[in-house]
C-alpha atoms as a PDB file:
ATOM      1  CA  TRP A   1      93.533 109.982  85.637  1.00  0.00           C
ATOM      2  CA  SER A   2      94.969 112.972  83.499  1.00  0.00           C
ATOM      3  CA  SER A   3      97.186 115.791  84.487  1.00  0.00           C
ATOM      4  CA  THR A   4      95.511 119.406  85.123  1.00  0.00           C
ATOM      5  CA  ASP A   5      96.329 120.311  81.484  1.00  0.00           C
ATOM      6  CA  ALA A   6      94.402 117.027  80.506  1.00  0.00           C
ATOM      7  CA  HIS A   7      97.882 116.017  77.817  1.00  0.00           C
ATOM      8  CA  GLN A   8      99.145 113.175  80.491  1.00  0.00           C
ATOM      9  CA  CYS A   9      97.631 110.252  81.724  1.00  0.00           C
ATOM     10  CA  ALA A  10      99.032 107.417  83.689  1.00  0.00           C
ATOM     11  CA  GLY A  11      98.603 103.901  83.611  1.00  0.00           C
ATOM     12  CA  VAL A  12      99.685 100.426  85.302  1.00  0.00           C
ATOM     13  CA  GLY A  13     100.826  97.282  83.090  1.00  0.00           C
ATOM     14  CA  LEU A  14     100.196  93.879  84.369  1.00  0.00           C
ATOM     15  CA  ARG A  15     103.584  93.436  85.764  1.00  0.00           C
ATOM     16  CA  GLY A  16     103.021  96.755  88.159  1.00  0.00           C
ATOM     17  CA  GLN A  17     105.105  99.085  85.941  1.00  0.00           C
ATOM     18  CA  PRO A  18     103.596 102.326  85.967  1.00  0.00           C
ATOM     19  CA  SER A  19     103.995 104.626  82.847  1.00  0.00           C
ATOM     20  CA  ILE A  20     103.052 108.487  81.970  1.00  0.00           C
ATOM     21  CA  TRP A  21     101.684 108.813  78.736  1.00  0.00           C
ATOM     22  CA  ASP A  22     101.349 112.269  76.399  1.00  0.00           C
ATOM     23  CA  VAL A  23      97.758 111.670  75.088  1.00  0.00           C
ATOM     24  CA  GLN A  24      98.236 114.152  72.282  1.00  0.00           C
ATOM     25  CA  GLN A  25     101.339 112.746  71.117  1.00  0.00           C
ATOM     26  CA  GLN A  26     100.283 109.173  71.764  1.00  0.00           C
ATOM     27  CA  GLU A  27     103.545 107.729  73.286  1.00  0.00           C
ATOM     28  CA  GLN A  28     105.114 107.186  76.637  1.00  0.00           C
ATOM     29  CA  VAL A  29     107.047 110.036  77.942  1.00  0.00           C
ATOM     30  CA  ALA A  30     108.309 108.283  81.253  1.00  0.00           C
ATOM     31  CA  ARG A  31     108.514 105.083  83.056  1.00  0.00           C
ATOM     32  CA  LEU A  32     108.455 105.259  86.930  1.00  0.00           C
ATOM     33  CA  GLU A  33     110.969 103.168  88.517  1.00  0.00           C
ATOM     34  CA  HIS A  34     109.151 100.679  90.564  1.00  0.00           C
ATOM     35  CA  GLU A  35     111.676  97.840  91.885  1.00  0.00           C
ATOM     36  CA  ASP A  36     108.741  95.221  93.272  1.00  0.00           C
ATOM     37  CA  GLN A  37     106.346  93.472  91.457  1.00  0.00           C
ATOM     38  CA  ALA A  38     103.533  95.093  93.028  1.00  0.00           C
ATOM     39  CA  THR A  39     100.134  93.053  92.827  1.00  0.00           C
ATOM     40  CA  GLN A  40      98.198  96.305  93.614  1.00  0.00           C
ATOM     41  CA  LEU A  41      99.256  99.703  92.358  1.00  0.00           C
ATOM     42  CA  CYS A  42      97.190 102.849  92.384  1.00  0.00           C
ATOM     43  CA  ILE A  43      98.069 106.163  91.095  1.00  0.00           C
ATOM     44  CA  GLY A  44      97.248 109.630  91.895  1.00  0.00           C
ATOM     45  CA  TYR A  45      97.885 113.088  90.441  1.00  0.00           C
ATOM     46  CA  LYS A  46      98.696 116.305  92.992  1.00  0.00           C
ATOM     47  CA  GLN A  47      96.680 119.256  91.378  1.00  0.00           C
ATOM     48  CA  ALA A  48      97.918 121.859  93.769  1.00  0.00           C
ATOM     49  CA  GLY A  49     100.721 123.288  95.706  1.00  0.00           C
ATOM     50  CA  GLU A  50     104.264 122.533  96.326  1.00  0.00           C
ATOM     51  CA  GLY A  51     105.290 119.820  93.960  1.00  0.00           C
ATOM     52  CA  ALA A  52     102.086 119.844  91.734  1.00  0.00           C
ATOM     53  CA  GLY A  53     102.025 117.041  89.026  1.00  0.00           C
ATOM     54  CA  VAL A  54     104.164 114.630  91.039  1.00  0.00           C
ATOM     55  CA  VAL A  55     102.929 111.150  90.308  1.00  0.00           C
ATOM     56  CA  LEU A  56     102.108 108.963  93.338  1.00  0.00           C
ATOM     57  CA  ALA A  57     102.263 105.263  93.098  1.00  0.00           C
ATOM     58  CA  THR A  58     101.607 102.915  95.807  1.00  0.00           C
ATOM     59  CA  GLY A  59     102.642  99.133  95.728  1.00  0.00           C
ATOM     60  CA  ASN A  60     101.218  96.394  97.685  1.00  0.00           C
ATOM     61  CA  GLY A  61     103.163  95.072 100.608  1.00  0.00           C
ATOM     62  CA  SER A  62     106.759  96.431 100.113  1.00  0.00           C
ATOM     63  CA  LYS A  63     108.991  96.221 103.131  1.00  0.00           C
ATOM     64  CA  GLU A  64     110.141  99.725 102.106  1.00  0.00           C
ATOM     65  CA  GLY A  65     106.569 101.438 102.717  1.00  0.00           C
ATOM     66  CA  PRO A  66     103.892 100.910  99.964  1.00  0.00           C
ATOM     67  CA  VAL A  67     103.676 104.605  99.423  1.00  0.00           C
ATOM     68  CA  ARG A  68     106.019 106.119  96.752  1.00  0.00           C
ATOM     69  CA  LEU A  69     106.131 109.577  95.281  1.00  0.00           C
ATOM     70  CA  TYR A  70     107.608 110.034  91.569  1.00  0.00           C
ATOM     71  CA  ASP A  71     108.912 112.898  89.600  1.00  0.00           C
ATOM     72  CA  ILE A  72     107.451 112.515  86.275  1.00  0.00           C
ATOM     73  CA  HIS A  73     109.855 114.020  84.278  1.00  0.00           C
ATOM     74  CA  SER A  74     112.704 111.719  85.577  1.00  0.00           C
ATOM     75  CA  GLY A  75     110.647 108.837  86.535  1.00  0.00           C
ATOM     76  CA  LYS A  76     112.709 108.729  89.651  1.00  0.00           C
ATOM     77  CA  CYS A  77     111.180 107.794  92.859  1.00  0.00           C
ATOM     78  CA  THR A  78     111.747 110.794  95.140  1.00  0.00           C
ATOM     79  CA  ALA A  79     110.021 109.375  98.272  1.00  0.00           C
ATOM     80  CA  LYS A  80     109.163 106.352 100.197  1.00  0.00           C
ATOM     81  CA  LEU A  81     106.626 106.822 102.728  1.00  0.00           C
ATOM     82  CA  LYS A  82     105.948 104.889 105.905  1.00  0.00           C
ATOM     83  CA  GLY A  83     102.772 103.994 107.277  1.00  0.00           C
ATOM     84  CA  PRO A  84     100.301 101.244 105.906  1.00  0.00           C
ATOM     85  CA  GLU A  85     101.413  97.646 105.219  1.00  0.00           C
ATOM     86  CA  VAL A  86      99.342  97.719 101.925  1.00  0.00           C
ATOM     87  CA  ALA A  87      97.390 100.416  99.997  1.00  0.00           C
ATOM     88  CA  TYR A  88      94.607  99.869  97.979  1.00  0.00           C
ATOM     89  CA  ALA A  89      93.532 103.435  96.916  1.00  0.00           C
ATOM     90  CA  LEU A  90      94.819 107.147  97.225  1.00  0.00           C
ATOM     91  CA  ALA A  91      93.601 110.758  97.139  1.00  0.00           C
ATOM     92  CA  TRP A  92      95.066 114.155  97.138  1.00  0.00           C
ATOM     93  CA  ALA A  93      93.485 116.707  98.974  1.00  0.00           C
ATOM     94  CA  PRO A  94      92.210 119.627  96.611  1.00  0.00           C
ATOM     95  CA  ASP A  95      94.983 122.021  98.031  1.00  0.00           C
ATOM     96  CA  GLY A  96      97.695 119.336  97.493  1.00  0.00           C
ATOM     97  CA  ASN A  97      99.036 119.359 100.868  1.00  0.00           C
ATOM     98  CA  ARG A  98      97.362 116.396 102.354  1.00  0.00           C
ATOM     99  CA  LEU A  99      97.474 112.723 100.921  1.00  0.00           C
ATOM    100  CA  ALA A 100      94.768 110.220 102.072  1.00  0.00           C
ATOM    101  CA  VAL A 101      95.723 106.358 101.674  1.00  0.00           C
ATOM    102  CA  ALA A 102      93.148 103.533 101.854  1.00  0.00           C
ATOM    103  CA  GLY A 103      94.672 100.430 103.551  1.00  0.00           C
ATOM    104  CA  GLN A 104      93.917  98.416 106.845  1.00  0.00           C
ATOM    105  CA  HIS A 105      92.451 101.795 107.913  1.00  0.00           C
ATOM    106  CA  LEU A 106      92.812 105.295 106.534  1.00  0.00           C
ATOM    107  CA  PHE A 107      96.088 107.141 106.437  1.00  0.00           C
ATOM    108  CA  VAL A 108      96.297 110.516 105.958  1.00  0.00           C
ATOM    109  CA  TYR A 109      99.735 112.234 105.340  1.00  0.00           C
ATOM    110  CA  ASP A 110     100.570 116.044 105.721  1.00  0.00           C
ATOM    111  CA  MET A 111     103.015 116.286 102.569  1.00  0.00           C
ATOM    112  CA  ARG A 112     104.521 119.318 104.300  1.00  0.00           C
ATOM    113  CA  ALA A 113     106.069 117.015 106.781  1.00  0.00           C
ATOM    114  CA  PRO A 114     105.205 113.526 105.720  1.00  0.00           C
ATOM    115  CA  THR A 115     107.533 111.649 107.961  1.00  0.00           C
ATOM    116  CA  ALA A 116     104.280 110.280 109.813  1.00  0.00           C
ATOM    117  CA  ALA A 117     100.743 109.308 108.888  1.00  0.00           C
ATOM    118  CA  LEU A 118      97.720 110.256 110.924  1.00  0.00           C
ATOM    119  CA  THR A 119      95.678 106.862 111.110  1.00  0.00           C
ATOM    120  CA  VAL A 120      91.970 106.929 111.137  1.00  0.00           C
ATOM    121  CA  LYS A 121      90.184 103.526 112.210  1.00  0.00           C
ATOM    122  CA  THR A 122      87.758 102.541 109.940  1.00  0.00           C
ATOM    123  CA  ALA A 123      85.598  99.494 109.588  1.00  0.00           C
ATOM    124  CA  GLY A 124      88.303  96.959 108.103  1.00  0.00           C
ATOM    125  CA  THR A 125      90.300  97.250 104.955  1.00  0.00           C
ATOM    126  CA  LEU A 126      89.268 100.061 102.457  1.00  0.00           C
ATOM    127  CA  GLN A 127      89.020  99.904  98.717  1.00  0.00           C
ATOM    128  CA  SER A 128      88.426 103.669  97.776  1.00  0.00           C
ATOM    129  CA  VAL A 129      88.714 106.797  99.233  1.00  0.00           C
ATOM    130  CA  VAL A 130      87.783 110.332  97.720  1.00  0.00           C
ATOM    131  CA  TRP A 131      87.997 113.872  99.096  1.00  0.00           C
ATOM    132  CA  GLY A 132      85.014 116.393  98.659  1.00  0.00           C
ATOM    133  CA  LEU A 133      85.260 119.230  95.923  1.00  0.00           C
ATOM    134  CA  GLU A 134      86.419 122.605  97.058  1.00  0.00           C
ATOM    135  CA  GLY A 135      83.343 125.068  96.899  1.00  0.00           C
ATOM    136  CA  THR A 136      80.877 122.313  96.788  1.00  0.00           C
ATOM    137  CA  PRO A 137      78.527 120.670  99.005  1.00  0.00           C
ATOM    138  CA  SER A 138      81.338 117.740  99.968  1.00  0.00           C
ATOM    139  CA  ALA A 139      83.954 120.268 100.743  1.00  0.00           C
ATOM    140  CA  GLY A 140      85.561 119.121 103.734  1.00  0.00           C
ATOM    141  CA  VAL A 141      84.403 115.794 103.740  1.00  0.00           C
ATOM    142  CA  VAL A 142      86.349 112.305 103.037  1.00  0.00           C
ATOM    143  CA  ALA A 143      84.687 109.577 101.642  1.00  0.00           C
ATOM    144  CA  VAL A 144      85.767 105.825 102.541  1.00  0.00           C
ATOM    145  CA  ALA A 145      84.703 102.479 101.507  1.00  0.00           C
ATOM    146  CA  GLY A 146      85.405  98.922 101.888  1.00  0.00           C
ATOM    147  CA  GLY A 147      85.822  96.307 104.580  1.00  0.00           C
ATOM    148  CA  THR A 148      82.960  94.522 105.830  1.00  0.00           C
ATOM    149  CA  SER A 149      80.447  97.226 106.368  1.00  0.00           C
ATOM    150  CA  HIS A 150      78.959  97.544 102.856  1.00  0.00           C
ATOM    151  CA  ALA A 151      78.939 100.960 103.722  1.00  0.00           C
ATOM    152  CA  VAL A 152      80.543 104.314 102.738  1.00  0.00           C
ATOM    153  CA  GLN A 153      81.898 106.175 105.533  1.00  0.00           C
ATOM    154  CA  LEU A 154      82.143 110.014 105.915  1.00  0.00           C
ATOM    155  CA  PHE A 155      84.671 111.977 107.667  1.00  0.00           C
ATOM    156  CA  ASP A 156      85.323 115.503 108.528  1.00  0.00           C
ATOM    157  CA  ALA A 157      88.851 116.419 106.811  1.00  0.00           C
ATOM    158  CA  ALA A 158      89.477 118.994 109.545  1.00  0.00           C
ATOM    159  CA  THR A 159      89.279 116.712 112.617  1.00  0.00           C
ATOM    160  CA  TRP A 160      88.629 113.159 111.168  1.00  0.00           C
ATOM    161  CA  GLU A 161      85.658 112.503 113.152  1.00  0.00           C
ATOM    162  CA  ALA A 162      83.217 110.205 111.380  1.00  0.00           C
ATOM    163  CA  VAL A 163      80.175 112.449 110.322  1.00  0.00           C
ATOM    164  CA  GLY A 164      78.015 109.967 108.572  1.00  0.00           C
ATOM    165  CA  SER A 165      77.494 106.411 107.015  1.00  0.00           C
ATOM    166  CA  LEU A 166      75.868 105.598 103.729  1.00  0.00           C
ATOM    167  CA  GLU A 167      74.186 102.206 103.958  1.00  0.00           C
ATOM    168  CA  GLY A 168      72.344 100.133 101.350  1.00  0.00           C
ATOM    169  CA  HIS A 169      75.095  97.924  99.505  1.00  0.00           C
ATOM    170  CA  THR A 170      74.991  94.305  99.750  1.00  0.00           C
ATOM    171  CA  HIS A 171      78.323  93.767  98.942  1.00  0.00           C
ATOM    172  CA  ALA A 172      81.853  95.086  98.820  1.00  0.00           C
ATOM    173  CA  ILE A 173      82.131  98.874  97.535  1.00  0.00           C
ATOM    174  CA  ARG A 174      85.392  99.043  95.080  1.00  0.00           C
ATOM    175  CA  GLY A 175      85.023 102.478  94.206  1.00  0.00           C
ATOM    176  CA  LEU A 176      83.717 106.105  94.894  1.00  0.00           C
ATOM    177  CA  SER A 177      83.436 109.376  92.837  1.00  0.00           C
ATOM    178  CA  TRP A 178      81.873 112.683  93.732  1.00  0.00           C
ATOM    179  CA  SER A 179      79.743 114.548  91.088  1.00  0.00           C
ATOM    180  CA  SER A 180      81.161 117.523  89.303  1.00  0.00           C
ATOM    181  CA  GLY A 181      78.786 119.614  91.586  1.00  0.00           C
ATOM    182  CA  GLY A 182      79.997 117.766  94.946  1.00  0.00           C
ATOM    183  CA  SER A 183      76.081 117.090  95.880  1.00  0.00           C
ATOM    184  CA  GLN A 184      76.164 113.117  94.825  1.00  0.00           C
ATOM    185  CA  LEU A 185      78.751 110.599  95.410  1.00  0.00           C
ATOM    186  CA  ALA A 186      78.608 107.410  93.300  1.00  0.00           C
ATOM    187  CA  SER A 187      79.613 103.913  94.866  1.00  0.00           C
END
């Protein structure tokens, strides 16, 4: 991923240590404090709303909670969110106020009061989650994939009711991405 100005990107090393890089200067600008040796680490970027630019990193199976928020300037953890036991993927809502975490199910945090997560029951452990794009046909839709169904599940982002299923895969789905126009979904 890259920041909104496309000057920064984040990466995770083999030892599960997340870092922020300045692409133009080609140098590391921050190393995030991450106390576990995470076996899975996903990174997202909050594009809008209060705290825009905060890096979010998730680790696998931490007793402290696998979802962590970081200040990219100091590299310090600013919050640990409780909820899922593992987190394989995450995505910020376009407005920056909600965060979806793919784990055993879909967990949705309202970041204005992130003490508890809404749990959306899904068909098995999820590997990917993406929010629909504002101003496109996908607006208001959250797509998730993984588990044993070999299908992409679609949810209404306001009610969290299932609104569809895209079937046809013969193996597990590991990633999802909306087209820039929001009318197509790659899986």
